[in-house]
Amino acid sequence: MFGIGYTIALVIGTAALGAALLRHQGVSTLAKVQMSMNQGQLPAIEMIEGLMLLVAGALLLTPGFFTDVFGFLVCIPALRQRFAQHLLANFIQSHLNIRPAANDNIIDAEHWESSDSEEK
């Protein structure tokens, strides 16, 4: 059905298209990370999205129909964000036993060590 020339062109074309999409999405994700950090928030979802984009890049560079499909699916921001939220909510929190505090009391404290010779 396809000759070797068409197959090679398709593999190179999907890799080039994937690289362009990943570059755009990676820059966008990096901007979201910087914005979250400037607001004093932990960019957990954005970091997971960055890792997912890294995996998507490897999938798009690997020849094959299924690897290209999964790689391109990760390039869709809405799907990637929903999957990252799912990973954060179900996997990470259940394995690290992170639970919200029972009350809203905040304890603020400071600790410092002095080099005074009072104790000598």
PDB file of N, CA and C in Angstrom:
ATOM      1  N   MET A   1       0.818  -1.179   0.000  1.00  0.00           N
ATOM      2  CA  MET A   1       0.000   0.000   0.000  1.00  0.00           C
ATOM      3  C   MET A   1       0.877   1.263   0.000  1.00  0.00           C
ATOM      4  N   PHE A   2       1.726   1.384   1.000  1.00  0.00           N
ATOM      5  CA  PHE A   2       2.695   2.483   1.040  1.00  0.00           C
ATOM      6  C   PHE A   2       4.052   1.930   0.672  1.00  0.00           C
ATOM      7  N   GLY A   3       4.779   2.700  -0.066  1.00  0.00           N
ATOM      8  CA  GLY A   3       6.141   2.306  -0.379  1.00  0.00           C
ATOM      9  C   GLY A   3       7.079   2.748   0.725  1.00  0.00           C
ATOM     10  N   ILE A   4       8.332   2.373   0.598  1.00  0.00           N
ATOM     11  CA  ILE A   4       9.303   2.722   1.628  1.00  0.00           C
ATOM     12  C   ILE A   4       9.534   4.233   1.682  1.00  0.00           C
ATOM     13  N   GLY A   5       9.443   4.894   0.550  1.00  0.00           N
ATOM     14  CA  GLY A   5       9.620   6.352   0.512  1.00  0.00           C
ATOM     15  C   GLY A   5       8.531   7.073   1.292  1.00  0.00           C
ATOM     16  N   TYR A   6       7.273   6.646   1.096  1.00  0.00           N
ATOM     17  CA  TYR A   6       6.165   7.257   1.822  1.00  0.00           C
ATOM     18  C   TYR A   6       6.257   6.970   3.322  1.00  0.00           C
ATOM     19  N   THR A   7       6.679   5.796   3.651  1.00  0.00           N
ATOM     20  CA  THR A   7       6.800   5.427   5.066  1.00  0.00           C
ATOM     21  C   THR A   7       7.861   6.269   5.759  1.00  0.00           C
ATOM     22  N   ILE A   8       8.998   6.424   5.122  1.00  0.00           N
ATOM     23  CA  ILE A   8      10.071   7.242   5.703  1.00  0.00           C
ATOM     24  C   ILE A   8       9.629   8.702   5.798  1.00  0.00           C
ATOM     25  N   ALA A   9       8.953   9.200   4.770  1.00  0.00           N
ATOM     26  CA  ALA A   9       8.457  10.582   4.803  1.00  0.00           C
ATOM     27  C   ALA A   9       7.437  10.770   5.918  1.00  0.00           C
ATOM     28  N   LEU A  10       6.579   9.783   6.137  1.00  0.00           N
ATOM     29  CA  LEU A  10       5.581   9.854   7.208  1.00  0.00           C
ATOM     30  C   LEU A  10       6.240   9.852   8.580  1.00  0.00           C
ATOM     31  N   VAL A  11       7.239   9.020   8.769  1.00  0.00           N
ATOM     32  CA  VAL A  11       7.960   8.966  10.048  1.00  0.00           C
ATOM     33  C   VAL A  11       8.658  10.292  10.316  1.00  0.00           C
ATOM     34  N   ILE A  12       9.327  10.840   9.310  1.00  0.00           N
ATOM     35  CA  ILE A  12      10.026  12.117   9.479  1.00  0.00           C
ATOM     36  C   ILE A  12       9.025  13.256   9.675  1.00  0.00           C
ATOM     37  N   GLY A  13       7.914  13.198   8.954  1.00  0.00           N
ATOM     38  CA  GLY A  13       6.886  14.239   9.083  1.00  0.00           C
ATOM     39  C   GLY A  13       6.250  14.265  10.462  1.00  0.00           C
ATOM     40  N   THR A  14       5.920  13.092  11.011  1.00  0.00           N
ATOM     41  CA  THR A  14       5.333  13.066  12.352  1.00  0.00           C
ATOM     42  C   THR A  14       6.340  13.502  13.401  1.00  0.00           C
ATOM     43  N   ALA A  15       7.596  13.175  13.215  1.00  0.00           N
ATOM     44  CA  ALA A  15       8.625  13.613  14.159  1.00  0.00           C
ATOM     45  C   ALA A  15       8.779  15.132  14.113  1.00  0.00           C
ATOM     46  N   ALA A  16       8.766  15.720  12.909  1.00  0.00           N
ATOM     47  CA  ALA A  16       8.899  17.173  12.782  1.00  0.00           C
ATOM     48  C   ALA A  16       7.678  17.891  13.340  1.00  0.00           C
ATOM     49  N   LEU A  17       6.495  17.399  13.028  1.00  0.00           N
ATOM     50  CA  LEU A  17       5.272  17.995  13.565  1.00  0.00           C
ATOM     51  C   LEU A  17       5.227  17.858  15.078  1.00  0.00           C
ATOM     52  N   GLY A  18       5.598  16.705  15.575  1.00  0.00           N
ATOM     53  CA  GLY A  18       5.628  16.486  17.017  1.00  0.00           C
ATOM     54  C   GLY A  18       6.624  17.386  17.718  1.00  0.00           C
ATOM     55  N   ALA A  19       7.787  17.583  17.120  1.00  0.00           N
ATOM     56  CA  ALA A  19       8.793  18.466  17.715  1.00  0.00           C
ATOM     57  C   ALA A  19       8.285  19.897  17.787  1.00  0.00           C
ATOM     58  N   ALA A  20       7.609  20.356  16.729  1.00  0.00           N
ATOM     59  CA  ALA A  20       7.065  21.716  16.729  1.00  0.00           C
ATOM     60  C   ALA A  20       5.975  21.871  17.791  1.00  0.00           C
ATOM     61  N   LEU A  21       5.089  20.884  17.881  1.00  0.00           N
ATOM     62  CA  LEU A  21       4.026  20.937  18.898  1.00  0.00           C
ATOM     63  C   LEU A  21       4.604  20.895  20.305  1.00  0.00           C
ATOM     64  N   LEU A  22       5.588  20.036  20.513  1.00  0.00           N
ATOM     65  CA  LEU A  22       6.184  19.920  21.843  1.00  0.00           C
ATOM     66  C   LEU A  22       6.918  21.194  22.237  1.00  0.00           C
ATOM     67  N   ARG A  23       7.558  21.825  21.294  1.00  0.00           N
ATOM     68  CA  ARG A  23       8.252  23.082  21.588  1.00  0.00           C
ATOM     69  C   ARG A  23       7.247  24.122  22.050  1.00  0.00           C
ATOM     70  N   HIS A  24       6.155  24.251  21.319  1.00  0.00           N
ATOM     71  CA  HIS A  24       5.124  25.229  21.675  1.00  0.00           C
ATOM     72  C   HIS A  24       4.509  24.910  23.036  1.00  0.00           C
ATOM     73  N   GLN A  25       4.141  23.657  23.248  1.00  0.00           N
ATOM     74  CA  GLN A  25       3.522  23.263  24.513  1.00  0.00           C
ATOM     75  C   GLN A  25       4.511  23.359  25.668  1.00  0.00           C
ATOM     76  N   GLY A  26       5.768  23.058  25.423  1.00  0.00           N
ATOM     77  CA  GLY A  26       6.783  23.138  26.477  1.00  0.00           C
ATOM     78  C   GLY A  26       7.001  24.563  26.938  1.00  0.00           C
ATOM     79  N   VAL A  27       7.052  25.502  25.990  1.00  0.00           N
ATOM     80  CA  VAL A  27       7.211  26.912  26.344  1.00  0.00           C
ATOM     81  C   VAL A  27       5.993  27.395  27.125  1.00  0.00           C
ATOM     82  N   SER A  28       4.816  26.966  26.715  1.00  0.00           N
ATOM     83  CA  SER A  28       3.586  27.339  27.416  1.00  0.00           C
ATOM     84  C   SER A  28       3.580  26.793  28.842  1.00  0.00           C
ATOM     85  N   THR A  29       3.994  25.550  29.005  1.00  0.00           N
ATOM     86  CA  THR A  29       4.038  24.937  30.335  1.00  0.00           C
ATOM     87  C   THR A  29       5.085  25.626  31.207  1.00  0.00           C
ATOM     88  N   LEU A  30       6.219  25.964  30.638  1.00  0.00           N
ATOM     89  CA  LEU A  30       7.247  26.680  31.391  1.00  0.00           C
ATOM     90  C   LEU A  30       6.740  28.035  31.858  1.00  0.00           C
ATOM     91  N   ALA A  31       5.979  28.726  31.017  1.00  0.00           N
ATOM     92  CA  ALA A  31       5.403  30.018  31.412  1.00  0.00           C
ATOM     93  C   ALA A  31       4.419  29.838  32.566  1.00  0.00           C
ATOM     94  N   LYS A  32       3.629  28.742  32.536  1.00  0.00           N
ATOM     95  CA  LYS A  32       2.706  28.477  33.640  1.00  0.00           C
ATOM     96  C   LYS A  32       3.454  28.174  34.936  1.00  0.00           C
ATOM     97  N   VAL A  33       4.576  27.461  34.835  1.00  0.00           N
ATOM     98  CA  VAL A  33       5.389  27.163  36.020  1.00  0.00           C
ATOM     99  C   VAL A  33       5.913  28.458  36.624  1.00  0.00           C
ATOM    100  N   GLN A  34       6.444  29.340  35.792  1.00  0.00           N
ATOM    101  CA  GLN A  34       6.973  30.609  36.285  1.00  0.00           C
ATOM    102  C   GLN A  34       5.876  31.466  36.895  1.00  0.00           C
ATOM    103  N   MET A  35       4.690  31.484  36.292  1.00  0.00           N
ATOM    104  CA  MET A  35       3.585  32.263  36.822  1.00  0.00           C
ATOM    105  C   MET A  35       3.144  31.725  38.185  1.00  0.00           C
ATOM    106  N   SER A  36       3.059  30.415  38.314  1.00  0.00           N
ATOM    107  CA  SER A  36       2.683  29.812  39.595  1.00  0.00           C
ATOM    108  C   SER A  36       3.709  30.123  40.676  1.00  0.00           C
ATOM    109  N   MET A  37       4.980  30.034  40.329  1.00  0.00           N
ATOM    110  CA  MET A  37       6.024  30.319  41.310  1.00  0.00           C
ATOM    111  C   MET A  37       6.030  31.793  41.708  1.00  0.00           C
ATOM    112  N   ASN A  38       5.756  32.689  40.770  1.00  0.00           N
ATOM    113  CA  ASN A  38       5.687  34.111  41.091  1.00  0.00           C
ATOM    114  C   ASN A  38       4.523  34.420  42.016  1.00  0.00           C
ATOM    115  N   GLN A  39       3.458  33.610  41.948  1.00  0.00           N
ATOM    116  CA  GLN A  39       2.306  33.789  42.825  1.00  0.00           C
ATOM    117  C   GLN A  39       2.487  33.055  44.151  1.00  0.00           C
ATOM    118  N   GLY A  40       3.620  32.401  44.326  1.00  0.00           N
ATOM    119  CA  GLY A  40       3.895  31.700  45.575  1.00  0.00           C
ATOM    120  C   GLY A  40       3.216  30.346  45.679  1.00  0.00           C
ATOM    121  N   GLN A  41       2.823  29.762  44.553  1.00  0.00           N
ATOM    122  CA  GLN A  41       2.154  28.466  44.546  1.00  0.00           C
ATOM    123  C   GLN A  41       3.118  27.387  44.066  1.00  0.00           C
ATOM    124  N   LEU A  42       2.862  26.171  44.509  1.00  0.00           N
ATOM    125  CA  LEU A  42       3.659  25.037  44.066  1.00  0.00           C
ATOM    126  C   LEU A  42       3.150  24.585  42.697  1.00  0.00           C
ATOM    127  N   PRO A  43       3.990  24.581  41.668  1.00  0.00           N
ATOM    128  CA  PRO A  43       3.541  24.220  40.319  1.00  0.00           C
ATOM    129  C   PRO A  43       3.554  22.707  40.096  1.00  0.00           C
ATOM    130  N   ALA A  44       2.858  21.952  40.929  1.00  0.00           N
ATOM    131  CA  ALA A  44       2.902  20.491  40.851  1.00  0.00           C
ATOM    132  C   ALA A  44       2.307  19.974  39.546  1.00  0.00           C
ATOM    133  N   ILE A  45       1.140  20.466  39.179  1.00  0.00           N
ATOM    134  CA  ILE A  45       0.488  19.975  37.960  1.00  0.00           C
ATOM    135  C   ILE A  45       1.321  20.350  36.736  1.00  0.00           C
ATOM    136  N   GLU A  46       1.871  21.553  36.740  1.00  0.00           N
ATOM    137  CA  GLU A  46       2.681  21.980  35.603  1.00  0.00           C
ATOM    138  C   GLU A  46       3.948  21.139  35.480  1.00  0.00           C
ATOM    139  N   MET A  47       4.525  20.743  36.609  1.00  0.00           N
ATOM    140  CA  MET A  47       5.720  19.896  36.571  1.00  0.00           C
ATOM    141  C   MET A  47       5.376  18.505  36.022  1.00  0.00           C
ATOM    142  N   ILE A  48       4.229  17.980  36.414  1.00  0.00           N
ATOM    143  CA  ILE A  48       3.792  16.684  35.883  1.00  0.00           C
ATOM    144  C   ILE A  48       3.551  16.806  34.384  1.00  0.00           C
ATOM    145  N   GLU A  49       2.949  17.923  33.962  1.00  0.00           N
ATOM    146  CA  GLU A  49       2.730  18.142  32.532  1.00  0.00           C
ATOM    147  C   GLU A  49       4.057  18.205  31.780  1.00  0.00           C
ATOM    148  N   GLY A  50       5.054  18.824  32.376  1.00  0.00           N
ATOM    149  CA  GLY A  50       6.370  18.877  31.740  1.00  0.00           C
ATOM    150  C   GLY A  50       6.963  17.493  31.554  1.00  0.00           C
ATOM    151  N   LEU A  51       6.820  16.646  32.564  1.00  0.00           N
ATOM    152  CA  LEU A  51       7.305  15.261  32.434  1.00  0.00           C
ATOM    153  C   LEU A  51       6.521  14.508  31.361  1.00  0.00           C
ATOM    154  N   MET A  52       5.220  14.764  31.301  1.00  0.00           N
ATOM    155  CA  MET A  52       4.410  14.109  30.281  1.00  0.00           C
ATOM    156  C   MET A  52       4.839  14.554  28.879  1.00  0.00           C
ATOM    157  N   LEU A  53       5.184  15.837  28.735  1.00  0.00           N
ATOM    158  CA  LEU A  53       5.657  16.319  27.436  1.00  0.00           C
ATOM    159  C   LEU A  53       6.989  15.677  27.064  1.00  0.00           C
ATOM    160  N   LEU A  54       7.825  15.433  28.049  1.00  0.00           N
ATOM    161  CA  LEU A  54       9.100  14.756  27.793  1.00  0.00           C
ATOM    162  C   LEU A  54       8.853  13.335  27.273  1.00  0.00           C
ATOM    163  N   VAL A  55       7.925  12.639  27.896  1.00  0.00           N
ATOM    164  CA  VAL A  55       7.578  11.287  27.446  1.00  0.00           C
ATOM    165  C   VAL A  55       6.945  11.349  26.056  1.00  0.00           C
ATOM    166  N   ALA A  56       6.095  12.358  25.826  1.00  0.00           N
ATOM    167  CA  ALA A  56       5.463  12.501  24.511  1.00  0.00           C
ATOM    168  C   ALA A  56       6.511  12.721  23.424  1.00  0.00           C
ATOM    169  N   GLY A  57       7.543  13.479  23.743  1.00  0.00           N
ATOM    170  CA  GLY A  57       8.620  13.689  22.770  1.00  0.00           C
ATOM    171  C   GLY A  57       9.304  12.392  22.404  1.00  0.00           C
ATOM    172  N   ALA A  58       9.553  11.569  23.401  1.00  0.00           N
ATOM    173  CA  ALA A  58      10.173  10.266  23.122  1.00  0.00           C
ATOM    174  C   ALA A  58       9.243   9.389  22.294  1.00  0.00           C
ATOM    175  N   LEU A  59       7.940   9.450  22.595  1.00  0.00           N
ATOM    176  CA  LEU A  59       6.987   8.644  21.828  1.00  0.00           C
ATOM    177  C   LEU A  59       6.900   9.109  20.379  1.00  0.00           C
ATOM    178  N   LEU A  60       6.926  10.421  20.167  1.00  0.00           N
ATOM    179  CA  LEU A  60       6.810  10.931  18.796  1.00  0.00           C
ATOM    180  C   LEU A  60       8.070  10.670  17.976  1.00  0.00           C
ATOM    181  N   LEU A  61       9.200  10.575  18.615  1.00  0.00           N
ATOM    182  CA  LEU A  61      10.427  10.275  17.881  1.00  0.00           C
ATOM    183  C   LEU A  61      10.577   8.786  17.591  1.00  0.00           C
ATOM    184  N   THR A  62       9.820   7.965  18.315  1.00  0.00           N
ATOM    185  CA  THR A  62       9.845   6.523  18.099  1.00  0.00           C
ATOM    186  C   THR A  62       8.897   6.194  16.943  1.00  0.00           C
ATOM    187  N   PRO A  63       9.380   5.535  15.911  1.00  0.00           N
ATOM    188  CA  PRO A  63       8.495   5.204  14.793  1.00  0.00           C
ATOM    189  C   PRO A  63       7.401   4.227  15.218  1.00  0.00           C
ATOM    190  N   GLY A  64       6.208   4.490  14.757  1.00  0.00           N
ATOM    191  CA  GLY A  64       5.095   3.596  15.035  1.00  0.00           C
ATOM    192  C   GLY A  64       3.798   4.362  15.153  1.00  0.00           C
ATOM    193  N   PHE A  65       2.722   3.708  14.788  1.00  0.00           N
ATOM    194  CA  PHE A  65       1.412   4.347  14.790  1.00  0.00           C
ATOM    195  C   PHE A  65       0.935   4.636  16.217  1.00  0.00           C
ATOM    196  N   PHE A  66       0.994   3.637  17.091  1.00  0.00           N
ATOM    197  CA  PHE A  66       0.478   3.808  18.443  1.00  0.00           C
ATOM    198  C   PHE A  66       1.310   4.798  19.254  1.00  0.00           C
ATOM    199  N   THR A  67       2.613   4.785  19.080  1.00  0.00           N
ATOM    200  CA  THR A  67       3.443   5.752  19.801  1.00  0.00           C
ATOM    201  C   THR A  67       3.129   7.172  19.345  1.00  0.00           C
ATOM    202  N   ASP A  68       2.871   7.347  18.050  1.00  0.00           N
ATOM    203  CA  ASP A  68       2.504   8.668  17.547  1.00  0.00           C
ATOM    204  C   ASP A  68       1.140   9.109  18.092  1.00  0.00           C
ATOM    205  N   VAL A  69       0.191   8.198  18.144  1.00  0.00           N
ATOM    206  CA  VAL A  69      -1.139   8.540  18.661  1.00  0.00           C
ATOM    207  C   VAL A  69      -1.045   8.983  20.114  1.00  0.00           C
ATOM    208  N   PHE A  70      -0.359   8.215  20.947  1.00  0.00           N
ATOM    209  CA  PHE A  70      -0.233   8.594  22.362  1.00  0.00           C
ATOM    210  C   PHE A  70       0.581   9.874  22.514  1.00  0.00           C
ATOM    211  N   GLY A  71       1.595  10.048  21.713  1.00  0.00           N
ATOM    212  CA  GLY A  71       2.386  11.274  21.761  1.00  0.00           C
ATOM    213  C   GLY A  71       1.567  12.494  21.389  1.00  0.00           C
ATOM    214  N   PHE A  72       0.756  12.393  20.350  1.00  0.00           N
ATOM    215  CA  PHE A  72      -0.077  13.521  19.945  1.00  0.00           C
ATOM    216  C   PHE A  72      -1.205  13.778  20.944  1.00  0.00           C
ATOM    217  N   LEU A  73      -1.727  12.740  21.570  1.00  0.00           N
ATOM    218  CA  LEU A  73      -2.757  12.941  22.594  1.00  0.00           C
ATOM    219  C   LEU A  73      -2.225  13.740  23.782  1.00  0.00           C
ATOM    220  N   VAL A  74      -0.977  13.507  24.149  1.00  0.00           N
ATOM    221  CA  VAL A  74      -0.374  14.260  25.253  1.00  0.00           C
ATOM    222  C   VAL A  74      -0.175  15.722  24.856  1.00  0.00           C
ATOM    223  N   CYS A  75      -0.077  15.999  23.570  1.00  0.00           N
ATOM    224  CA  CYS A  75       0.107  17.378  23.113  1.00  0.00           C
ATOM    225  C   CYS A  75      -1.175  18.206  23.200  1.00  0.00           C
ATOM    226  N   ILE A  76      -2.302  17.585  23.488  1.00  0.00           N
ATOM    227  CA  ILE A  76      -3.557  18.313  23.651  1.00  0.00           C
ATOM    228  C   ILE A  76      -3.613  18.816  25.091  1.00  0.00           C
ATOM    229  N   PRO A  77      -3.578  20.144  25.295  1.00  0.00           N
ATOM    230  CA  PRO A  77      -3.467  20.688  26.658  1.00  0.00           C
ATOM    231  C   PRO A  77      -4.572  20.245  27.614  1.00  0.00           C
ATOM    232  N   ALA A  78      -5.817  20.193  27.163  1.00  0.00           N
ATOM    233  CA  ALA A  78      -6.918  19.820  28.059  1.00  0.00           C
ATOM    234  C   ALA A  78      -6.770  18.375  28.543  1.00  0.00           C
ATOM    235  N   LEU A  79      -6.418  17.471  27.648  1.00  0.00           N
ATOM    236  CA  LEU A  79      -6.230  16.071  28.045  1.00  0.00           C
ATOM    237  C   LEU A  79      -5.036  15.916  28.977  1.00  0.00           C
ATOM    238  N   ARG A  80      -3.950  16.617  28.656  1.00  0.00           N
ATOM    239  CA  ARG A  80      -2.741  16.532  29.473  1.00  0.00           C
ATOM    240  C   ARG A  80      -2.997  17.069  30.882  1.00  0.00           C
ATOM    241  N   GLN A  81      -3.707  18.189  30.985  1.00  0.00           N
ATOM    242  CA  GLN A  81      -3.976  18.768  32.299  1.00  0.00           C
ATOM    243  C   GLN A  81      -4.905  17.877  33.109  1.00  0.00           C
ATOM    244  N   ARG A  82      -5.909  17.322  32.466  1.00  0.00           N
ATOM    245  CA  ARG A  82      -6.838  16.435  33.181  1.00  0.00           C
ATOM    246  C   ARG A  82      -6.111  15.182  33.678  1.00  0.00           C
ATOM    247  N   PHE A  83      -5.245  14.622  32.854  1.00  0.00           N
ATOM    248  CA  PHE A  83      -4.499  13.437  33.264  1.00  0.00           C
ATOM    249  C   PHE A  83      -3.517  13.765  34.383  1.00  0.00           C
ATOM    250  N   ALA A  84      -2.877  14.935  34.302  1.00  0.00           N
ATOM    251  CA  ALA A  84      -1.949  15.349  35.358  1.00  0.00           C
ATOM    252  C   ALA A  84      -2.685  15.554  36.676  1.00  0.00           C
ATOM    253  N   GLN A  85      -3.875  16.159  36.635  1.00  0.00           N
ATOM    254  CA  GLN A  85      -4.670  16.332  37.851  1.00  0.00           C
ATOM    255  C   GLN A  85      -5.081  14.981  38.426  1.00  0.00           C
ATOM    256  N   HIS A  86      -5.428  14.057  37.549  1.00  0.00           N
ATOM    257  CA  HIS A  86      -5.800  12.715  37.988  1.00  0.00           C
ATOM    258  C   HIS A  86      -4.615  12.027  38.677  1.00  0.00           C
ATOM    259  N   LEU A  87      -3.444  12.130  38.077  1.00  0.00           N
ATOM    260  CA  LEU A  87      -2.252  11.539  38.690  1.00  0.00           C
ATOM    261  C   LEU A  87      -1.964  12.152  40.049  1.00  0.00           C
ATOM    262  N   LEU A  88      -2.051  13.474  40.131  1.00  0.00           N
ATOM    263  CA  LEU A  88      -1.758  14.166  41.385  1.00  0.00           C
ATOM    264  C   LEU A  88      -2.764  13.798  42.459  1.00  0.00           C
ATOM    265  N   ALA A  89      -4.038  13.761  42.111  1.00  0.00           N
ATOM    266  CA  ALA A  89      -5.079  13.493  43.102  1.00  0.00           C
ATOM    267  C   ALA A  89      -5.071  12.045  43.582  1.00  0.00           C
ATOM    268  N   ASN A  90      -4.935  11.113  42.672  1.00  0.00           N
ATOM    269  CA  ASN A  90      -5.085   9.704  43.043  1.00  0.00           C
ATOM    270  C   ASN A  90      -3.795   8.994  43.413  1.00  0.00           C
ATOM    271  N   PHE A  91      -2.758   9.209  42.648  1.00  0.00           N
ATOM    272  CA  PHE A  91      -1.534   8.441  42.856  1.00  0.00           C
ATOM    273  C   PHE A  91      -0.633   9.052  43.917  1.00  0.00           C
ATOM    274  N   ILE A  92      -0.266  10.294  43.732  1.00  0.00           N
ATOM    275  CA  ILE A  92       0.715  10.918  44.621  1.00  0.00           C
ATOM    276  C   ILE A  92       0.154  11.097  46.025  1.00  0.00           C
ATOM    277  N   GLN A  93      -1.055  11.611  46.138  1.00  0.00           N
ATOM    278  CA  GLN A  93      -1.611  11.852  47.462  1.00  0.00           C
ATOM    279  C   GLN A  93      -1.865  10.559  48.221  1.00  0.00           C
ATOM    280  N   SER A  94      -2.267   9.506  47.539  1.00  0.00           N
ATOM    281  CA  SER A  94      -2.523   8.253  48.244  1.00  0.00           C
ATOM    282  C   SER A  94      -1.224   7.580  48.682  1.00  0.00           C
ATOM    283  N   HIS A  95      -0.144   7.755  47.925  1.00  0.00           N
ATOM    284  CA  HIS A  95       1.115   7.123  48.292  1.00  0.00           C
ATOM    285  C   HIS A  95       1.912   7.923  49.312  1.00  0.00           C
ATOM    286  N   LEU A  96       1.711   9.237  49.341  1.00  0.00           N
ATOM    287  CA  LEU A  96       2.434  10.054  50.302  1.00  0.00           C
ATOM    288  C   LEU A  96       1.628  10.323  51.561  1.00  0.00           C
ATOM    289  N   ASN A  97       0.387   9.824  51.607  1.00  0.00           N
ATOM    290  CA  ASN A  97      -0.509  10.022  52.751  1.00  0.00           C
ATOM    291  C   ASN A  97      -0.664  11.497  53.100  1.00  0.00           C
ATOM    292  N   ILE A  98      -0.874  12.324  52.095  1.00  0.00           N
ATOM    293  CA  ILE A  98      -1.101  13.742  52.324  1.00  0.00           C
ATOM    294  C   ILE A  98      -2.584  13.927  52.607  1.00  0.00           C
ATOM    295  N   ARG A  99      -2.877  14.503  53.752  1.00  0.00           N
ATOM    296  CA  ARG A  99      -4.260  14.761  54.123  1.00  0.00           C
ATOM    297  C   ARG A  99      -4.371  16.210  54.581  1.00  0.00           C
ATOM    298  N   PRO A 100      -5.525  16.818  54.358  1.00  0.00           N
ATOM    299  CA  PRO A 100      -5.685  18.188  54.827  1.00  0.00           C
ATOM    300  C   PRO A 100      -5.668  18.245  56.349  1.00  0.00           C
ATOM    301  N   ALA A 101      -5.269  19.389  56.866  1.00  0.00           N
ATOM    302  CA  ALA A 101      -5.202  19.561  58.315  1.00  0.00           C
ATOM    303  C   ALA A 101      -6.602  19.485  58.917  1.00  0.00           C
ATOM    304  N   ALA A 102      -6.686  18.982  60.155  1.00  0.00           N
ATOM    305  CA  ALA A 102      -7.975  18.827  60.823  1.00  0.00           C
ATOM    306  C   ALA A 102      -8.561  20.179  61.222  1.00  0.00           C
ATOM    307  N   ASN A 103      -7.718  21.149  61.486  1.00  0.00           N
ATOM    308  CA  ASN A 103      -8.206  22.482  61.830  1.00  0.00           C
ATOM    309  C   ASN A 103      -7.399  23.521  61.074  1.00  0.00           C
ATOM    310  N   ASP A 104      -7.791  24.758  61.240  1.00  0.00           N
ATOM    311  CA  ASP A 104      -7.124  25.825  60.502  1.00  0.00           C
ATOM    312  C   ASP A 104      -6.094  26.571  61.343  1.00  0.00           C
ATOM    313  N   ASN A 105      -5.636  25.961  62.439  1.00  0.00           N
ATOM    314  CA  ASN A 105      -4.643  26.618  63.278  1.00  0.00           C
ATOM    315  C   ASN A 105      -3.295  26.631  62.570  1.00  0.00           C
ATOM    316  N   ILE A 106      -2.662  27.775  62.579  1.00  0.00           N
ATOM    317  CA  ILE A 106      -1.344  27.913  61.976  1.00  0.00           C
ATOM    318  C   ILE A 106      -0.361  28.211  63.090  1.00  0.00           C
ATOM    319  N   ILE A 107       0.686  27.447  63.142  1.00  0.00           N
ATOM    320  CA  ILE A 107       1.723  27.655  64.145  1.00  0.00           C
ATOM    321  C   ILE A 107       2.924  28.250  63.434  1.00  0.00           C
ATOM    322  N   ASP A 108       3.314  29.443  63.883  1.00  0.00           N
ATOM    323  CA  ASP A 108       4.452  30.123  63.285  1.00  0.00           C
ATOM    324  C   ASP A 108       5.570  30.143  64.320  1.00  0.00           C
ATOM    325  N   ALA A 109       6.733  29.713  63.940  1.00  0.00           N
ATOM    326  CA  ALA A 109       7.850  29.666  64.878  1.00  0.00           C
ATOM    327  C   ALA A 109       9.140  29.988  64.152  1.00  0.00           C
ATOM    328  N   GLU A 110      10.129  30.402  64.926  1.00  0.00           N
ATOM    329  CA  GLU A 110      11.458  30.658  64.383  1.00  0.00           C
ATOM    330  C   GLU A 110      12.468  29.906  65.233  1.00  0.00           C
ATOM    331  N   HIS A 111      13.552  29.520  64.606  1.00  0.00           N
ATOM    332  CA  HIS A 111      14.620  28.809  65.314  1.00  0.00           C
ATOM    333  C   HIS A 111      15.945  29.365  64.829  1.00  0.00           C
ATOM    334  N   TRP A 112      16.826  29.626  65.738  1.00  0.00           N
ATOM    335  CA  TRP A 112      18.155  30.068  65.362  1.00  0.00           C
ATOM    336  C   TRP A 112      19.145  29.581  66.385  1.00  0.00           C
ATOM    337  N   GLU A 113      20.355  29.446  65.956  1.00  0.00           N
ATOM    338  CA  GLU A 113      21.436  29.043  66.835  1.00  0.00           C
ATOM    339  C   GLU A 113      22.398  30.204  66.957  1.00  0.00           C
ATOM    340  N   SER A 114      22.857  30.411  68.162  1.00  0.00           N
ATOM    341  CA  SER A 114      23.810  31.504  68.344  1.00  0.00           C
ATOM    342  C   SER A 114      25.184  30.929  68.635  1.00  0.00           C
ATOM    343  N   SER A 115      26.172  31.691  68.351  1.00  0.00           N
ATOM    344  CA  SER A 115      27.540  31.234  68.594  1.00  0.00           C
ATOM    345  C   SER A 115      28.125  31.918  69.837  1.00  0.00           C
ATOM    346  N   ASP A 116      27.240  32.330  70.734  1.00  0.00           N
ATOM    347  CA  ASP A 116      27.699  32.966  71.959  1.00  0.00           C
ATOM    348  C   ASP A 116      28.436  31.974  72.827  1.00  0.00           C
ATOM    349  N   SER A 117      29.347  32.459  73.607  1.00  0.00           N
ATOM    350  CA  SER A 117      30.127  31.584  74.493  1.00  0.00           C
ATOM    351  C   SER A 117      29.534  31.552  75.890  1.00  0.00           C
ATOM    352  N   GLU A 118      28.221  31.777  76.035  1.00  0.00           N
ATOM    353  CA  GLU A 118      27.565  31.797  77.342  1.00  0.00           C
ATOM    354  C   GLU A 118      27.532  30.403  77.960  1.00  0.00           C
ATOM    355  N   GLU A 119      27.381  29.387  77.156  1.00  0.00           N
ATOM    356  CA  GLU A 119      27.247  28.049  77.698  1.00  0.00           C
ATOM    357  C   GLU A 119      28.604  27.409  78.012  1.00  0.00           C
ATOM    358  N   LYS A 120      29.686  27.979  77.604  1.00  0.00           N
ATOM    359  CA  LYS A 120      31.007  27.376  77.824  1.00  0.00           C
ATOM    360  C   LYS A 120      31.531  27.680  79.184  1.00  0.00           C
TER     361      LYS A 120
END
